[in-house]
PDB file of all heavy atoms in Angstrom:
ATOM      1  N   ALA A   1     -20.501  51.089   6.594  1.00  0.00           N
ATOM      2  CA  ALA A   1     -19.588  50.395   7.500  1.00  0.00           C
ATOM      3  C   ALA A   1     -19.136  49.063   6.906  1.00  0.00           C
ATOM      4  O   ALA A   1     -17.965  48.677   7.039  1.00  0.00           O
ATOM      5  CB  ALA A   1     -20.262  50.169   8.850  1.00  0.00           C
ATOM      6  N   MET A   2     -20.029  48.376   6.221  1.00  0.00           N
ATOM      7  CA  MET A   2     -19.689  47.100   5.577  1.00  0.00           C
ATOM      8  C   MET A   2     -18.732  47.336   4.412  1.00  0.00           C
ATOM      9  O   MET A   2     -17.791  46.567   4.194  1.00  0.00           O
ATOM     10  CB  MET A   2     -20.964  46.402   5.111  1.00  0.00           C
ATOM     11  CG  MET A   2     -21.876  45.978   6.269  1.00  0.00           C
ATOM     12  SD  MET A   2     -23.593  45.690   5.778  1.00  0.00           S
ATOM     13  CE  MET A   2     -23.456  44.133   4.895  1.00  0.00           C
ATOM     14  N   LYS A   3     -18.957  48.407   3.651  1.00  0.00           N
ATOM     15  CA  LYS A   3     -18.069  48.726   2.525  1.00  0.00           C
ATOM     16  C   LYS A   3     -16.672  49.096   3.011  1.00  0.00           C
ATOM     17  O   LYS A   3     -15.662  48.675   2.432  1.00  0.00           O
ATOM     18  CB  LYS A   3     -18.660  49.876   1.705  1.00  0.00           C
ATOM     19  CG  LYS A   3     -20.000  49.565   1.068  1.00  0.00           C
ATOM     20  CD  LYS A   3     -20.639  50.839   0.508  1.00  0.00           C
ATOM     21  CE  LYS A   3     -22.106  50.662   0.259  1.00  0.00           C
ATOM     22  NZ  LYS A   3     -22.788  51.937  -0.058  1.00  0.00           N
ATOM     23  N   ILE A   4     -16.604  49.874   4.075  1.00  0.00           N
ATOM     24  CA  ILE A   4     -15.302  50.278   4.615  1.00  0.00           C
ATOM     25  C   ILE A   4     -14.561  49.067   5.175  1.00  0.00           C
ATOM     26  O   ILE A   4     -13.346  48.931   5.009  1.00  0.00           O
ATOM     27  CB  ILE A   4     -15.492  51.370   5.682  1.00  0.00           C
ATOM     28  CG1 ILE A   4     -15.973  52.665   5.017  1.00  0.00           C
ATOM     29  CG2 ILE A   4     -14.185  51.628   6.443  1.00  0.00           C
ATOM     30  CD1 ILE A   4     -16.420  53.737   5.993  1.00  0.00           C
ATOM     31  N   ALA A   5     -15.294  48.155   5.809  1.00  0.00           N
ATOM     32  CA  ALA A   5     -14.676  46.920   6.305  1.00  0.00           C
ATOM     33  C   ALA A   5     -14.099  46.106   5.149  1.00  0.00           C
ATOM     34  O   ALA A   5     -13.007  45.533   5.259  1.00  0.00           O
ATOM     35  CB  ALA A   5     -15.701  46.093   7.070  1.00  0.00           C
ATOM     36  N   ALA A   6     -14.833  46.070   4.039  1.00  0.00           N
ATOM     37  CA  ALA A   6     -14.341  45.358   2.852  1.00  0.00           C
ATOM     38  C   ALA A   6     -13.064  46.007   2.331  1.00  0.00           C
ATOM     39  O   ALA A   6     -12.086  45.318   1.998  1.00  0.00           O
ATOM     40  CB  ALA A   6     -15.415  45.350   1.768  1.00  0.00           C
ATOM     41  N   ALA A   7     -13.049  47.345   2.259  1.00  0.00           N
ATOM     42  CA  ALA A   7     -11.874  48.067   1.755  1.00  0.00           C
ATOM     43  C   ALA A   7     -10.658  47.829   2.645  1.00  0.00           C
ATOM     44  O   ALA A   7      -9.539  47.595   2.155  1.00  0.00           O
ATOM     45  CB  ALA A   7     -12.179  49.559   1.662  1.00  0.00           C
ATOM     46  N   ARG A   8     -10.850  47.898   3.955  1.00  0.00           N
ATOM     47  CA  ARG A   8      -9.729  47.680   4.880  1.00  0.00           C
ATOM     48  C   ARG A   8      -9.172  46.263   4.737  1.00  0.00           C
ATOM     49  O   ARG A   8      -7.956  46.055   4.789  1.00  0.00           O
ATOM     50  CB  ARG A   8     -10.190  47.912   6.316  1.00  0.00           C
ATOM     51  CG  ARG A   8     -10.491  49.371   6.663  1.00  0.00           C
ATOM     52  CD  ARG A   8     -10.739  49.511   8.159  1.00  0.00           C
ATOM     53  NE  ARG A   8     -11.157  50.848   8.543  1.00  0.00           N
ATOM     54  CZ  ARG A   8     -10.307  51.869   8.739  1.00  0.00           C
ATOM     55  NH1 ARG A   8      -9.005  51.684   8.567  1.00  0.00           N
ATOM     56  NH2 ARG A   8     -10.764  53.054   9.117  1.00  0.00           N
ATOM     57  N   THR A   9     -10.048  45.304   4.565  1.00  0.00           N
ATOM     58  CA  THR A   9      -9.611  43.912   4.435  1.00  0.00           C
ATOM     59  C   THR A   9      -8.827  43.704   3.154  1.00  0.00           C
ATOM     60  O   THR A   9      -7.780  43.042   3.145  1.00  0.00           O
ATOM     61  CB  THR A   9     -10.824  42.968   4.478  1.00  0.00           C
ATOM     62  OG1 THR A   9     -11.562  43.197   5.678  1.00  0.00           O
ATOM     63  CG2 THR A   9     -10.378  41.521   4.435  1.00  0.00           C
ATOM     64  N   ILE A  10      -9.317  44.257   2.057  1.00  0.00           N
ATOM     65  CA  ILE A  10      -8.601  44.148   0.779  1.00  0.00           C
ATOM     66  C   ILE A  10      -7.208  44.752   0.913  1.00  0.00           C
ATOM     67  O   ILE A  10      -6.217  44.179   0.454  1.00  0.00           O
ATOM     68  CB  ILE A  10      -9.397  44.839  -0.344  1.00  0.00           C
ATOM     69  CG1 ILE A  10     -10.689  44.076  -0.628  1.00  0.00           C
ATOM     70  CG2 ILE A  10      -8.558  44.937  -1.625  1.00  0.00           C
ATOM     71  CD1 ILE A  10     -11.670  44.817  -1.522  1.00  0.00           C
ATOM     72  N   ALA A  11      -7.119  45.911   1.551  1.00  0.00           N
ATOM     73  CA  ALA A  11      -5.831  46.597   1.713  1.00  0.00           C
ATOM     74  C   ALA A  11      -4.829  45.741   2.480  1.00  0.00           C
ATOM     75  O   ALA A  11      -3.636  45.726   2.178  1.00  0.00           O
ATOM     76  CB  ALA A  11      -6.040  47.932   2.415  1.00  0.00           C
ATOM     77  N   LYS A  12      -5.312  44.995   3.468  1.00  0.00           N
ATOM     78  CA  LYS A  12      -4.419  44.176   4.296  1.00  0.00           C
ATOM     79  C   LYS A  12      -3.768  43.044   3.510  1.00  0.00           C
ATOM     80  O   LYS A  12      -2.709  42.551   3.890  1.00  0.00           O
ATOM     81  CB  LYS A  12      -5.191  43.597   5.487  1.00  0.00           C
ATOM     82  CG  LYS A  12      -5.592  44.625   6.529  1.00  0.00           C
ATOM     83  CD  LYS A  12      -6.415  43.980   7.628  1.00  0.00           C
ATOM     84  CE  LYS A  12      -6.882  45.003   8.652  1.00  0.00           C
ATOM     85  NZ  LYS A  12      -7.751  44.391   9.694  1.00  0.00           N
ATOM     86  N   PHE A  13      -4.408  42.617   2.425  1.00  0.00           N
ATOM     87  CA  PHE A  13      -3.884  41.497   1.639  1.00  0.00           C
ATOM     88  C   PHE A  13      -2.944  41.951   0.520  1.00  0.00           C
ATOM     89  O   PHE A  13      -2.438  41.122  -0.236  1.00  0.00           O
ATOM     90  CB  PHE A  13      -5.039  40.697   1.032  1.00  0.00           C
ATOM     91  CG  PHE A  13      -5.616  39.676   1.968  1.00  0.00           C
ATOM     92  CD1 PHE A  13      -6.554  40.049   2.917  1.00  0.00           C
ATOM     93  CD2 PHE A  13      -5.224  38.350   1.907  1.00  0.00           C
ATOM     94  CE1 PHE A  13      -7.091  39.128   3.796  1.00  0.00           C
ATOM     95  CE2 PHE A  13      -5.756  37.409   2.769  1.00  0.00           C
ATOM     96  CZ  PHE A  13      -6.695  37.793   3.720  1.00  0.00           C
ATOM     97  N   THR A  14      -2.704  43.236   0.416  1.00  0.00           N
ATOM     98  CA  THR A  14      -1.872  43.756  -0.663  1.00  0.00           C
ATOM     99  C   THR A  14      -0.395  43.581  -0.352  1.00  0.00           C
ATOM    100  O   THR A  14       0.053  43.856   0.767  1.00  0.00           O
ATOM    101  CB  THR A  14      -2.169  45.255  -0.881  1.00  0.00           C
ATOM    102  OG1 THR A  14      -3.581  45.428  -1.069  1.00  0.00           O
ATOM    103  CG2 THR A  14      -1.431  45.782  -2.101  1.00  0.00           C
ATOM    104  N   MET A  15       0.365  43.119  -1.328  1.00  0.00           N
ATOM    105  CA  MET A  15       1.810  42.970  -1.160  1.00  0.00           C
ATOM    106  C   MET A  15       2.459  44.341  -1.100  1.00  0.00           C
ATOM    107  O   MET A  15       1.986  45.304  -1.721  1.00  0.00           O
ATOM    108  CB  MET A  15       2.388  42.150  -2.313  1.00  0.00           C
ATOM    109  CG  MET A  15       1.898  40.709  -2.366  1.00  0.00           C
ATOM    110  SD  MET A  15       2.602  39.786  -3.759  1.00  0.00           S
ATOM    111  CE  MET A  15       4.352  39.828  -3.345  1.00  0.00           C
ATOM    112  N   ASP A  16       3.563  44.445  -0.346  1.00  0.00           N
ATOM    113  CA  ASP A  16       4.261  45.720  -0.207  1.00  0.00           C
ATOM    114  C   ASP A  16       4.596  46.314  -1.574  1.00  0.00           C
ATOM    115  O   ASP A  16       5.145  45.637  -2.439  1.00  0.00           O
ATOM    116  CB  ASP A  16       5.556  45.528   0.590  1.00  0.00           C
ATOM    117  CG  ASP A  16       5.280  45.324   2.073  1.00  0.00           C
ATOM    118  OD1 ASP A  16       4.154  45.628   2.501  1.00  0.00           O
ATOM    119  OD2 ASP A  16       6.179  44.862   2.797  1.00  0.00           O
ATOM    120  N   GLY A  17       4.243  47.577  -1.741  1.00  0.00           N
ATOM    121  CA  GLY A  17       4.531  48.274  -2.990  1.00  0.00           C
ATOM    122  C   GLY A  17       3.383  48.275  -3.970  1.00  0.00           C
ATOM    123  O   GLY A  17       3.311  49.141  -4.846  1.00  0.00           O
ATOM    124  N   ASP A  18       2.467  47.304  -3.847  1.00  0.00           N
ATOM    125  CA  ASP A  18       1.309  47.252  -4.732  1.00  0.00           C
ATOM    126  C   ASP A  18       0.174  48.094  -4.156  1.00  0.00           C
ATOM    127  O   ASP A  18       0.182  48.457  -2.976  1.00  0.00           O
ATOM    128  CB  ASP A  18       0.835  45.814  -4.910  1.00  0.00           C
ATOM    129  CG  ASP A  18       1.800  44.977  -5.734  1.00  0.00           C
ATOM    130  OD1 ASP A  18       2.649  45.577  -6.429  1.00  0.00           O
ATOM    131  OD2 ASP A  18       1.723  43.735  -5.669  1.00  0.00           O
ATOM    132  N   LEU A  19      -0.812  48.385  -4.986  1.00  0.00           N
ATOM    133  CA  LEU A  19      -1.971  49.145  -4.522  1.00  0.00           C
ATOM    134  C   LEU A  19      -3.105  48.233  -4.085  1.00  0.00           C
ATOM    135  O   LEU A  19      -3.841  48.544  -3.144  1.00  0.00           O
ATOM    136  CB  LEU A  19      -2.463  50.088  -5.623  1.00  0.00           C
ATOM    137  CG  LEU A  19      -1.504  51.200  -6.049  1.00  0.00           C
ATOM    138  CD1 LEU A  19      -2.168  52.114  -7.054  1.00  0.00           C
ATOM    139  CD2 LEU A  19      -1.024  51.990  -4.849  1.00  0.00           C
ATOM    140  N   VAL A  20      -3.276  47.102  -4.779  1.00  0.00           N
ATOM    141  CA  VAL A  20      -4.334  46.152  -4.445  1.00  0.00           C
ATOM    142  C   VAL A  20      -3.802  44.738  -4.653  1.00  0.00           C
ATOM    143  O   VAL A  20      -2.828  44.539  -5.376  1.00  0.00           O
ATOM    144  CB  VAL A  20      -5.594  46.370  -5.327  1.00  0.00           C
ATOM    145  CG1 VAL A  20      -6.272  47.677  -4.983  1.00  0.00           C
ATOM    146  CG2 VAL A  20      -5.244  46.311  -6.810  1.00  0.00           C
ATOM    147  N   PRO A  21      -4.425  43.744  -4.027  1.00  0.00           N
ATOM    148  CA  PRO A  21      -3.973  42.356  -4.205  1.00  0.00           C
ATOM    149  C   PRO A  21      -4.467  41.750  -5.512  1.00  0.00           C
ATOM    150  O   PRO A  21      -5.206  42.376  -6.271  1.00  0.00           O
ATOM    151  CB  PRO A  21      -4.586  41.637  -2.998  1.00  0.00           C
ATOM    152  CG  PRO A  21      -5.803  42.437  -2.678  1.00  0.00           C
ATOM    153  CD  PRO A  21      -5.477  43.866  -3.013  1.00  0.00           C
ATOM    154  N   ASN A  22      -4.067  40.519  -5.743  1.00  0.00           N
ATOM    155  CA  ASN A  22      -4.474  39.770  -6.929  1.00  0.00           C
ATOM    156  C   ASN A  22      -5.964  39.449  -6.852  1.00  0.00           C
ATOM    157  O   ASN A  22      -6.441  38.894  -5.863  1.00  0.00           O
ATOM    158  CB  ASN A  22      -3.652  38.470  -7.009  1.00  0.00           C
ATOM    159  CG  ASN A  22      -3.887  37.714  -8.306  1.00  0.00           C
ATOM    160  OD1 ASN A  22      -4.947  37.806  -8.905  1.00  0.00           O
ATOM    161  ND2 ASN A  22      -2.897  36.962  -8.726  1.00  0.00           N
ATOM    162  N   ILE A  23      -6.700  39.782  -7.902  1.00  0.00           N
ATOM    163  CA  ILE A  23      -8.137  39.525  -7.946  1.00  0.00           C
ATOM    164  C   ILE A  23      -8.447  38.046  -7.742  1.00  0.00           C
ATOM    165  O   ILE A  23      -9.451  37.688  -7.121  1.00  0.00           O
ATOM    166  CB  ILE A  23      -8.732  39.998  -9.289  1.00  0.00           C
ATOM    167  CG1 ILE A  23      -8.754  41.522  -9.356  1.00  0.00           C
ATOM    168  CG2 ILE A  23     -10.133  39.460  -9.499  1.00  0.00           C
ATOM    169  CD1 ILE A  23      -9.225  42.070 -10.680  1.00  0.00           C
ATOM    170  N   LEU A  24      -7.590  37.164  -8.228  1.00  0.00           N
ATOM    171  CA  LEU A  24      -7.870  35.732  -8.203  1.00  0.00           C
ATOM    172  C   LEU A  24      -7.465  35.062  -6.896  1.00  0.00           C
ATOM    173  O   LEU A  24      -7.597  33.844  -6.758  1.00  0.00           O
ATOM    174  CB  LEU A  24      -7.164  35.049  -9.382  1.00  0.00           C
ATOM    175  CG  LEU A  24      -7.585  35.537 -10.767  1.00  0.00           C
ATOM    176  CD1 LEU A  24      -6.847  34.777 -11.853  1.00  0.00           C
ATOM    177  CD2 LEU A  24      -9.093  35.405 -10.962  1.00  0.00           C
ATOM    178  N   ASN A  25      -6.979  35.842  -5.925  1.00  0.00           N
ATOM    179  CA  ASN A  25      -6.638  35.290  -4.617  1.00  0.00           C
ATOM    180  C   ASN A  25      -7.931  35.076  -3.824  1.00  0.00           C
ATOM    181  O   ASN A  25      -8.508  36.006  -3.275  1.00  0.00           O
ATOM    182  CB  ASN A  25      -5.701  36.240  -3.875  1.00  0.00           C
ATOM    183  CG  ASN A  25      -5.239  35.679  -2.539  1.00  0.00           C
ATOM    184  OD1 ASN A  25      -5.761  34.675  -2.038  1.00  0.00           O
ATOM    185  ND2 ASN A  25      -4.245  36.315  -1.948  1.00  0.00           N
ATOM    186  N   LYS A  26      -8.382  33.835  -3.748  1.00  0.00           N
ATOM    187  CA  LYS A  26      -9.667  33.548  -3.112  1.00  0.00           C
ATOM    188  C   LYS A  26      -9.652  33.848  -1.618  1.00  0.00           C
ATOM    189  O   LYS A  26     -10.708  34.106  -1.019  1.00  0.00           O
ATOM    190  CB  LYS A  26     -10.060  32.096  -3.363  1.00  0.00           C
ATOM    191  CG  LYS A  26     -10.372  31.802  -4.825  1.00  0.00           C
ATOM    192  CD  LYS A  26     -10.868  30.389  -5.026  1.00  0.00           C
ATOM    193  CE  LYS A  26     -11.199  30.136  -6.501  1.00  0.00           C
ATOM    194  NZ  LYS A  26     -11.700  28.761  -6.732  1.00  0.00           N
ATOM    195  N   LYS A  27      -8.474  33.826  -1.009  1.00  0.00           N
ATOM    196  CA  LYS A  27      -8.389  34.150   0.416  1.00  0.00           C
ATOM    197  C   LYS A  27      -8.820  35.590   0.684  1.00  0.00           C
ATOM    198  O   LYS A  27      -9.371  35.894   1.740  1.00  0.00           O
ATOM    199  CB  LYS A  27      -6.962  33.915   0.920  1.00  0.00           C
ATOM    200  CG  LYS A  27      -6.550  32.456   0.958  1.00  0.00           C
ATOM    201  CD  LYS A  27      -5.136  32.293   1.515  1.00  0.00           C
ATOM    202  CE  LYS A  27      -4.754  30.825   1.564  1.00  0.00           C
ATOM    203  NZ  LYS A  27      -3.368  30.635   2.086  1.00  0.00           N
ATOM    204  N   VAL A  28      -8.566  36.473  -0.277  1.00  0.00           N
ATOM    205  CA  VAL A  28      -9.003  37.865  -0.141  1.00  0.00           C
ATOM    206  C   VAL A  28     -10.521  37.931  -0.035  1.00  0.00           C
ATOM    207  O   VAL A  28     -11.081  38.561   0.868  1.00  0.00           O
ATOM    208  CB  VAL A  28      -8.522  38.723  -1.325  1.00  0.00           C
ATOM    209  CG1 VAL A  28      -9.063  40.147  -1.214  1.00  0.00           C
ATOM    210  CG2 VAL A  28      -7.005  38.743  -1.394  1.00  0.00           C
ATOM    211  N   HIS A  29     -11.215  37.265  -0.949  1.00  0.00           N
ATOM    212  CA  HIS A  29     -12.671  37.324  -0.992  1.00  0.00           C
ATOM    213  C   HIS A  29     -13.296  36.646   0.232  1.00  0.00           C
ATOM    214  O   HIS A  29     -14.325  37.102   0.748  1.00  0.00           O
ATOM    215  CB  HIS A  29     -13.163  36.691  -2.292  1.00  0.00           C
ATOM    216  CG  HIS A  29     -12.590  37.339  -3.514  1.00  0.00           C
ATOM    217  ND1 HIS A  29     -13.035  38.552  -3.992  1.00  0.00           N
ATOM    218  CD2 HIS A  29     -11.570  36.971  -4.341  1.00  0.00           C
ATOM    219  CE1 HIS A  29     -12.335  38.894  -5.067  1.00  0.00           C
ATOM    220  NE2 HIS A  29     -11.444  37.948  -5.288  1.00  0.00           N
ATOM    221  N   GLN A  30     -12.661  35.573   0.698  1.00  0.00           N
ATOM    222  CA  GLN A  30     -13.151  34.908   1.909  1.00  0.00           C
ATOM    223  C   GLN A  30     -13.020  35.826   3.116  1.00  0.00           C
ATOM    224  O   GLN A  30     -13.938  35.910   3.948  1.00  0.00           O
ATOM    225  CB  GLN A  30     -12.362  33.613   2.130  1.00  0.00           C
ATOM    226  CG  GLN A  30     -12.624  32.546   1.079  1.00  0.00           C
ATOM    227  CD  GLN A  30     -11.608  31.421   1.105  1.00  0.00           C
ATOM    228  OE1 GLN A  30     -10.679  31.419   1.921  1.00  0.00           O
ATOM    229  NE2 GLN A  30     -11.761  30.452   0.222  1.00  0.00           N
ATOM    230  N   ALA A  31     -11.890  36.519   3.208  1.00  0.00           N
ATOM    231  CA  ALA A  31     -11.668  37.424   4.339  1.00  0.00           C
ATOM    232  C   ALA A  31     -12.611  38.624   4.268  1.00  0.00           C
ATOM    233  O   ALA A  31     -13.124  39.081   5.297  1.00  0.00           O
ATOM    234  CB  ALA A  31     -10.212  37.893   4.358  1.00  0.00           C
ATOM    235  N   VAL A  32     -12.832  39.143   3.062  1.00  0.00           N
ATOM    236  CA  VAL A  32     -13.772  40.255   2.896  1.00  0.00           C
ATOM    237  C   VAL A  32     -15.164  39.822   3.341  1.00  0.00           C
ATOM    238  O   VAL A  32     -15.862  40.551   4.062  1.00  0.00           O
ATOM    239  CB  VAL A  32     -13.795  40.740   1.435  1.00  0.00           C
ATOM    240  CG1 VAL A  32     -14.966  41.699   1.199  1.00  0.00           C
ATOM    241  CG2 VAL A  32     -12.484  41.422   1.078  1.00  0.00           C
ATOM    242  N   ALA A  33     -15.584  38.637   2.924  1.00  0.00           N
ATOM    243  CA  ALA A  33     -16.906  38.138   3.301  1.00  0.00           C
ATOM    244  C   ALA A  33     -17.053  38.042   4.816  1.00  0.00           C
ATOM    245  O   ALA A  33     -18.089  38.448   5.379  1.00  0.00           O
ATOM    246  CB  ALA A  33     -17.145  36.773   2.660  1.00  0.00           C
ATOM    247  N   LYS A  34     -16.044  37.541   5.465  1.00  0.00           N
ATOM    248  CA  LYS A  34     -16.093  37.400   6.927  1.00  0.00           C
ATOM    249  C   LYS A  34     -16.192  38.770   7.599  1.00  0.00           C
ATOM    250  O   LYS A  34     -16.996  38.967   8.524  1.00  0.00           O
ATOM    251  CB  LYS A  34     -14.854  36.656   7.425  1.00  0.00           C
ATOM    252  CG  LYS A  34     -14.851  36.412   8.928  1.00  0.00           C
ATOM    253  CD  LYS A  34     -13.619  35.628   9.361  1.00  0.00           C
ATOM    254  CE  LYS A  34     -13.612  35.405  10.867  1.00  0.00           C
ATOM    255  NZ  LYS A  34     -12.397  34.656  11.300  1.00  0.00           N
ATOM    256  N   ALA A  35     -15.370  39.723   7.131  1.00  0.00           N
ATOM    257  CA  ALA A  35     -15.385  41.067   7.724  1.00  0.00           C
ATOM    258  C   ALA A  35     -16.727  41.748   7.513  1.00  0.00           C
ATOM    259  O   ALA A  35     -17.274  42.398   8.422  1.00  0.00           O
ATOM    260  CB  ALA A  35     -14.258  41.904   7.119  1.00  0.00           C
ATOM    261  N   VAL A  36     -17.286  41.614   6.315  1.00  0.00           N
ATOM    262  CA  VAL A  36     -18.573  42.235   5.995  1.00  0.00           C
ATOM    263  C   VAL A  36     -19.689  41.614   6.836  1.00  0.00           C
ATOM    264  O   VAL A  36     -20.561  42.314   7.362  1.00  0.00           O
ATOM    265  CB  VAL A  36     -18.875  42.089   4.489  1.00  0.00           C
ATOM    266  CG1 VAL A  36     -20.314  42.483   4.173  1.00  0.00           C
ATOM    267  CG2 VAL A  36     -17.907  42.946   3.673  1.00  0.00           C
ATOM    268  N   GLU A  37     -19.664  40.300   6.964  1.00  0.00           N
ATOM    269  CA  GLU A  37     -20.684  39.616   7.769  1.00  0.00           C
ATOM    270  C   GLU A  37     -20.639  40.092   9.221  1.00  0.00           C
ATOM    271  O   GLU A  37     -21.679  40.374   9.834  1.00  0.00           O
ATOM    272  CB  GLU A  37     -20.466  38.102   7.714  1.00  0.00           C
ATOM    273  CG  GLU A  37     -21.486  37.311   8.509  1.00  0.00           C
ATOM    274  CD  GLU A  37     -21.253  35.807   8.442  1.00  0.00           C
ATOM    275  OE1 GLU A  37     -20.275  35.380   7.795  1.00  0.00           O
ATOM    276  OE2 GLU A  37     -22.050  35.067   9.041  1.00  0.00           O
ATOM    277  N   GLU A  38     -19.441  40.198   9.773  1.00  0.00           N
ATOM    278  CA  GLU A  38     -19.294  40.637  11.166  1.00  0.00           C
ATOM    279  C   GLU A  38     -19.833  42.053  11.373  1.00  0.00           C
ATOM    280  O   GLU A  38     -20.530  42.327  12.347  1.00  0.00           O
ATOM    281  CB  GLU A  38     -17.819  40.560  11.574  1.00  0.00           C
ATOM    282  CG  GLU A  38     -17.303  39.135  11.723  1.00  0.00           C
ATOM    283  CD  GLU A  38     -15.809  39.081  12.010  1.00  0.00           C
ATOM    284  OE1 GLU A  38     -15.154  40.142  11.948  1.00  0.00           O
ATOM    285  OE2 GLU A  38     -15.310  37.981  12.299  1.00  0.00           O
ATOM    286  N   VAL A  39     -19.527  42.937  10.441  1.00  0.00           N
ATOM    287  CA  VAL A  39     -19.997  44.322  10.568  1.00  0.00           C
ATOM    288  C   VAL A  39     -21.511  44.401  10.373  1.00  0.00           C
ATOM    289  O   VAL A  39     -22.191  45.197  11.036  1.00  0.00           O
ATOM    290  CB  VAL A  39     -19.257  45.236   9.570  1.00  0.00           C
ATOM    291  CG1 VAL A  39     -19.868  46.623   9.556  1.00  0.00           C
ATOM    292  CG2 VAL A  39     -17.782  45.324   9.934  1.00  0.00           C
ATOM    293  N   ALA A  40     -22.044  43.572   9.485  1.00  0.00           N
ATOM    294  CA  ALA A  40     -23.502  43.548   9.300  1.00  0.00           C
ATOM    295  C   ALA A  40     -24.201  43.175  10.603  1.00  0.00           C
ATOM    296  O   ALA A  40     -25.209  43.788  10.986  1.00  0.00           O
ATOM    297  CB  ALA A  40     -23.868  42.555   8.198  1.00  0.00           C
ATOM    298  N   LEU A  41     -23.656  42.194  11.298  1.00  0.00           N
ATOM    299  CA  LEU A  41     -24.237  41.772  12.574  1.00  0.00           C
ATOM    300  C   LEU A  41     -24.101  42.870  13.623  1.00  0.00           C
ATOM    301  O   LEU A  41     -25.033  43.148  14.389  1.00  0.00           O
ATOM    302  CB  LEU A  41     -23.565  40.484  13.049  1.00  0.00           C
ATOM    303  CG  LEU A  41     -23.809  39.241  12.171  1.00  0.00           C
ATOM    304  CD1 LEU A  41     -22.886  38.102  12.582  1.00  0.00           C
ATOM    305  CD2 LEU A  41     -25.264  38.803  12.257  1.00  0.00           C
ATOM    306  N   LYS A  42     -22.933  43.530  13.646  1.00  0.00           N
ATOM    307  CA  LYS A  42     -22.689  44.579  14.640  1.00  0.00           C
ATOM    308  C   LYS A  42     -23.567  45.800  14.413  1.00  0.00           C
ATOM    309  O   LYS A  42     -23.987  46.461  15.367  1.00  0.00           O
ATOM    310  CB  LYS A  42     -21.215  44.987  14.613  1.00  0.00           C
ATOM    311  CG  LYS A  42     -20.260  43.948  15.190  1.00  0.00           C
ATOM    312  CD  LYS A  42     -18.816  44.423  15.098  1.00  0.00           C
ATOM    313  CE  LYS A  42     -17.859  43.385  15.644  1.00  0.00           C
ATOM    314  NZ  LYS A  42     -16.431  43.808  15.498  1.00  0.00           N
ATOM    315  N   THR A  43     -23.838  46.113  13.153  1.00  0.00           N
ATOM    316  CA  THR A  43     -24.595  47.330  12.843  1.00  0.00           C
ATOM    317  C   THR A  43     -26.095  47.071  12.735  1.00  0.00           C
ATOM    318  O   THR A  43     -26.865  47.993  12.431  1.00  0.00           O
ATOM    319  CB  THR A  43     -24.081  47.974  11.536  1.00  0.00           C
ATOM    320  OG1 THR A  43     -24.105  46.991  10.472  1.00  0.00           O
ATOM    321  CG2 THR A  43     -22.664  48.484  11.712  1.00  0.00           C
ATOM    322  N   GLY A  44     -26.514  45.834  12.949  1.00  0.00           N
ATOM    323  CA  GLY A  44     -27.936  45.537  13.053  1.00  0.00           C
ATOM    324  C   GLY A  44     -28.735  45.632  11.782  1.00  0.00           C
ATOM    325  O   GLY A  44     -29.910  46.008  11.823  1.00  0.00           O
ATOM    326  N   VAL A  45     -28.142  45.294  10.622  1.00  0.00           N
ATOM    327  CA  VAL A  45     -28.893  45.368   9.364  1.00  0.00           C
ATOM    328  C   VAL A  45     -29.298  43.983   8.872  1.00  0.00           C
ATOM    329  O   VAL A  45     -29.591  43.792   7.693  1.00  0.00           O
ATOM    330  CB  VAL A  45     -28.067  46.096   8.269  1.00  0.00           C
ATOM    331  CG1 VAL A  45     -27.818  47.532   8.651  1.00  0.00           C
ATOM    332  CG2 VAL A  45     -26.748  45.366   7.997  1.00  0.00           C
ATOM    333  N   VAL A  46     -29.329  43.015   9.773  1.00  0.00           N
ATOM    334  CA  VAL A  46     -29.645  41.644   9.379  1.00  0.00           C
ATOM    335  C   VAL A  46     -31.120  41.344   9.590  1.00  0.00           C
ATOM    336  O   VAL A  46     -31.805  41.995  10.386  1.00  0.00           O
ATOM    337  CB  VAL A  46     -28.789  40.626  10.176  1.00  0.00           C
ATOM    338  CG1 VAL A  46     -27.320  40.882   9.944  1.00  0.00           C
ATOM    339  CG2 VAL A  46     -29.110  40.693  11.658  1.00  0.00           C
ATOM    340  N   LYS A  47     -31.613  40.349   8.871  1.00  0.00           N
ATOM    341  CA  LYS A  47     -32.977  39.868   9.063  1.00  0.00           C
ATOM    342  C   LYS A  47     -32.989  38.919  10.264  1.00  0.00           C
ATOM    343  O   LYS A  47     -32.160  38.014  10.340  1.00  0.00           O
ATOM    344  CB  LYS A  47     -33.453  39.094   7.832  1.00  0.00           C
ATOM    345  CG  LYS A  47     -33.618  39.900   6.572  1.00  0.00           C
ATOM    346  CD  LYS A  47     -34.090  38.981   5.464  1.00  0.00           C
ATOM    347  CE  LYS A  47     -34.191  39.705   4.136  1.00  0.00           C
ATOM    348  NZ  LYS A  47     -34.590  38.797   3.049  1.00  0.00           N
TER     349      LYS A  47
END
């Protein structure tokens, strides 16, 4: 669930016509981290 959340978030940051966004766009990684953290909490895999 965390991996799928990461994939969906990456896809949302992609410019029209491209397959994936720019690797160096730090906003992508920040958004992925937030989505993954939220799903981790929802799915109960936290310490």
